[in-house]
Amino acid sequence: MLEVASGQGQNGTWKRQDFILEVPGQYPKKICITIFGDKVEQFNVKQGEEVRVEADIESREFNGRWYTSVKAWKVEKAGGDMQDRMPDYDVAQNTPTSGGIDLSISEGDDLPF
């Protein structure tokens, strides 16, 4: 959990908090996720909790450089039926076996990164 940041903008006071989500697997991946506004208190994420996050991923260009943000719009704590909706991971391949977003690189991928 990183510190809550806040300030004054054209539309009034703003607030955001970043946290690092670690995706399990043989080679765990870490993703910095941002929560904005009232959702900081609503989600009330604590360090060490297991959560399921639904987020928007967006990239934008500024002065010839590209920046990517991951903004959470839903965070659920572990427990209840959440485990039924979590993707299962193939630990040997470090990829989801069902559901979720596959962040792995595949053969023949022609992307420059």
C-alpha atoms as a PDB file:
ATOM      1  CA  MET A   1       0.000   0.000   0.000  1.00  0.00           C
ATOM      2  CA  LEU A   2       1.342   3.388  -0.940  1.00  0.00           C
ATOM      3  CA  GLU A   3       0.382   6.646   0.757  1.00  0.00           C
ATOM      4  CA  VAL A   4      -2.890   8.390  -0.140  1.00  0.00           C
ATOM      5  CA  ALA A   5      -2.234  11.422  -2.367  1.00  0.00           C
ATOM      6  CA  SER A   6      -4.660  14.337  -2.572  1.00  0.00           C
ATOM      7  CA  GLY A   7      -4.868  17.854  -3.887  1.00  0.00           C
ATOM      8  CA  GLN A   8      -6.991  20.599  -5.413  1.00  0.00           C
ATOM      9  CA  GLY A   9      -7.928  20.585  -9.085  1.00  0.00           C
ATOM     10  CA  GLN A  10     -10.290  22.464 -11.389  1.00  0.00           C
ATOM     11  CA  ASN A  11     -13.137  20.186 -10.332  1.00  0.00           C
ATOM     12  CA  GLY A  12     -12.409  20.349  -6.597  1.00  0.00           C
ATOM     13  CA  THR A  13     -10.504  18.095  -4.227  1.00  0.00           C
ATOM     14  CA  TRP A  14      -9.114  14.822  -5.580  1.00  0.00           C
ATOM     15  CA  LYS A  15      -7.701  11.763  -3.843  1.00  0.00           C
ATOM     16  CA  ARG A  16      -5.951   8.618  -5.020  1.00  0.00           C
ATOM     17  CA  GLN A  17      -4.094   5.636  -3.606  1.00  0.00           C
ATOM     18  CA  ASP A  18      -1.804   3.195  -5.374  1.00  0.00           C
ATOM     19  CA  PHE A  19      -1.267  -0.373  -4.235  1.00  0.00           C
ATOM     20  CA  ILE A  20       0.830  -3.210  -5.596  1.00  0.00           C
ATOM     21  CA  LEU A  21      -1.046  -6.386  -6.502  1.00  0.00           C
ATOM     22  CA  GLU A  22       1.027  -9.543  -6.776  1.00  0.00           C
ATOM     23  CA  VAL A  23      -0.346 -12.128  -9.210  1.00  0.00           C
ATOM     24  CA  PRO A  24       0.557 -15.648  -8.001  1.00  0.00           C
ATOM     25  CA  GLY A  25       2.570 -18.175  -9.969  1.00  0.00           C
ATOM     26  CA  GLN A  26       6.025 -19.626 -10.344  1.00  0.00           C
ATOM     27  CA  TYR A  27       7.217 -16.150 -11.356  1.00  0.00           C
ATOM     28  CA  PRO A  28       4.828 -13.769  -9.551  1.00  0.00           C
ATOM     29  CA  LYS A  29       4.012 -10.557 -11.387  1.00  0.00           C
ATOM     30  CA  LYS A  30       3.469  -7.238  -9.625  1.00  0.00           C
ATOM     31  CA  ILE A  31       1.002  -4.645 -10.905  1.00  0.00           C
ATOM     32  CA  CYS A  32       0.601  -1.097  -9.578  1.00  0.00           C
ATOM     33  CA  ILE A  33      -3.137  -0.356  -9.355  1.00  0.00           C
ATOM     34  CA  THR A  34      -4.697   3.042  -8.615  1.00  0.00           C
ATOM     35  CA  ILE A  35      -7.921   3.746  -6.704  1.00  0.00           C
ATOM     36  CA  PHE A  36      -9.499   7.209  -7.111  1.00  0.00           C
ATOM     37  CA  GLY A  37     -11.882   9.359  -5.085  1.00  0.00           C
ATOM     38  CA  ASP A  38     -14.387   7.903  -2.627  1.00  0.00           C
ATOM     39  CA  LYS A  39     -13.356   4.380  -3.631  1.00  0.00           C
ATOM     40  CA  VAL A  40     -10.204   4.756  -1.487  1.00  0.00           C
ATOM     41  CA  GLU A  41     -12.369   4.455   1.665  1.00  0.00           C
ATOM     42  CA  GLN A  42     -15.004   2.237   0.037  1.00  0.00           C
ATOM     43  CA  PHE A  43     -12.532  -0.498  -0.957  1.00  0.00           C
ATOM     44  CA  ASN A  44     -10.378  -0.033   2.180  1.00  0.00           C
ATOM     45  CA  VAL A  45      -7.630  -2.323   0.870  1.00  0.00           C
ATOM     46  CA  LYS A  46      -5.126  -3.496   3.513  1.00  0.00           C
ATOM     47  CA  GLN A  47      -1.635  -4.863   2.985  1.00  0.00           C
ATOM     48  CA  GLY A  48      -1.531  -8.661   2.853  1.00  0.00           C
ATOM     49  CA  GLU A  49      -5.225  -9.123   1.959  1.00  0.00           C
ATOM     50  CA  GLU A  50      -6.188 -11.384  -0.911  1.00  0.00           C
ATOM     51  CA  VAL A  51      -8.398  -9.443  -3.317  1.00  0.00           C
ATOM     52  CA  ARG A  52      -9.951  -9.691  -6.750  1.00  0.00           C
ATOM     53  CA  VAL A  53      -9.631  -6.478  -8.770  1.00  0.00           C
ATOM     54  CA  GLU A  54     -11.571  -5.351 -11.818  1.00  0.00           C
ATOM     55  CA  ALA A  55      -9.821  -2.474 -13.531  1.00  0.00           C
ATOM     56  CA  ASP A  56      -9.453  -0.425 -16.687  1.00  0.00           C
ATOM     57  CA  ILE A  57      -6.048  -0.423 -18.376  1.00  0.00           C
ATOM     58  CA  GLU A  58      -5.218   2.657 -20.405  1.00  0.00           C
ATOM     59  CA  SER A  59      -2.106   3.984 -22.156  1.00  0.00           C
ATOM     60  CA  ARG A  60      -1.581   7.566 -23.251  1.00  0.00           C
ATOM     61  CA  GLU A  61       1.175   9.526 -24.956  1.00  0.00           C
ATOM     62  CA  PHE A  62       2.785  12.649 -23.489  1.00  0.00           C
ATOM     63  CA  ASN A  63       5.776  14.393 -25.055  1.00  0.00           C
ATOM     64  CA  GLY A  64       6.665  11.364 -27.149  1.00  0.00           C
ATOM     65  CA  ARG A  65       6.566   8.884 -24.247  1.00  0.00           C
ATOM     66  CA  TRP A  66       3.832   6.399 -23.406  1.00  0.00           C
ATOM     67  CA  TYR A  67       2.408   5.925 -19.919  1.00  0.00           C
ATOM     68  CA  THR A  68       0.091   3.129 -18.787  1.00  0.00           C
ATOM     69  CA  SER A  69      -2.301   3.254 -15.848  1.00  0.00           C
ATOM     70  CA  VAL A  70      -4.394   0.541 -14.204  1.00  0.00           C
ATOM     71  CA  LYS A  71      -7.435   2.066 -12.476  1.00  0.00           C
ATOM     72  CA  ALA A  72      -9.514  -0.174 -10.199  1.00  0.00           C
ATOM     73  CA  TRP A  73     -13.273   0.212 -10.381  1.00  0.00           C
ATOM     74  CA  LYS A  74     -14.138  -2.839  -8.259  1.00  0.00           C
ATOM     75  CA  VAL A  75     -12.220  -4.579  -5.460  1.00  0.00           C
ATOM     76  CA  GLU A  76     -13.552  -7.650  -3.642  1.00  0.00           C
ATOM     77  CA  LYS A  77     -11.978  -9.151  -0.531  1.00  0.00           C
ATOM     78  CA  ALA A  78     -11.252 -12.895  -0.373  1.00  0.00           C
ATOM     79  CA  GLY A  79     -14.024 -15.043   1.007  1.00  0.00           C
ATOM     80  CA  GLY A  80     -17.535 -16.031   0.067  1.00  0.00           C
ATOM     81  CA  ASP A  81     -17.968 -17.037  -3.570  1.00  0.00           C
ATOM     82  CA  MET A  82     -15.013 -14.942  -4.767  1.00  0.00           C
ATOM     83  CA  GLN A  83     -12.805 -18.026  -4.987  1.00  0.00           C
ATOM     84  CA  ASP A  84     -15.201 -19.555  -7.526  1.00  0.00           C
ATOM     85  CA  ARG A  85     -14.669 -16.586  -9.851  1.00  0.00           C
ATOM     86  CA  MET A  86     -10.890 -16.293  -9.468  1.00  0.00           C
ATOM     87  CA  PRO A  87      -8.935 -17.698 -12.412  1.00  0.00           C
ATOM     88  CA  ASP A  88      -6.975 -20.861 -11.739  1.00  0.00           C
ATOM     89  CA  TYR A  89      -3.264 -20.558 -12.459  1.00  0.00           C
ATOM     90  CA  ASP A  90      -1.022 -23.106 -14.115  1.00  0.00           C
ATOM     91  CA  VAL A  91       1.955 -22.571 -11.814  1.00  0.00           C
ATOM     92  CA  ALA A  92       4.386 -24.284 -14.217  1.00  0.00           C
ATOM     93  CA  GLN A  93       3.377 -21.974 -17.091  1.00  0.00           C
ATOM     94  CA  ASN A  94       2.492 -18.952 -14.900  1.00  0.00           C
ATOM     95  CA  THR A  95      -0.697 -18.363 -16.888  1.00  0.00           C
ATOM     96  CA  PRO A  96      -4.419 -18.413 -16.053  1.00  0.00           C
ATOM     97  CA  THR A  97      -6.120 -21.673 -17.042  1.00  0.00           C
ATOM     98  CA  SER A  98      -9.607 -20.125 -17.127  1.00  0.00           C
ATOM     99  CA  GLY A  99     -11.083 -16.626 -17.060  1.00  0.00           C
ATOM    100  CA  GLY A 100      -9.129 -13.462 -16.301  1.00  0.00           C
ATOM    101  CA  ILE A 101      -6.658 -11.683 -18.533  1.00  0.00           C
ATOM    102  CA  ASP A 102      -3.734 -13.636 -19.928  1.00  0.00           C
ATOM    103  CA  LEU A 103      -0.695 -11.377 -19.517  1.00  0.00           C
ATOM    104  CA  SER A 104       1.746 -13.941 -20.905  1.00  0.00           C
ATOM    105  CA  ILE A 105       3.725 -13.617 -24.145  1.00  0.00           C
ATOM    106  CA  SER A 106       2.911 -16.102 -26.891  1.00  0.00           C
ATOM    107  CA  GLU A 107       4.970 -17.409 -29.810  1.00  0.00           C
ATOM    108  CA  GLY A 108       4.539 -15.377 -32.978  1.00  0.00           C
ATOM    109  CA  ASP A 109       3.617 -12.217 -31.112  1.00  0.00           C
ATOM    110  CA  ASP A 110       4.547  -9.380 -33.475  1.00  0.00           C
ATOM    111  CA  LEU A 111       4.257  -6.570 -30.929  1.00  0.00           C
ATOM    112  CA  PRO A 112       7.455  -4.528 -30.578  1.00  0.00           C
ATOM    113  CA  PHE A 113       7.508  -4.869 -26.771  1.00  0.00           C
END
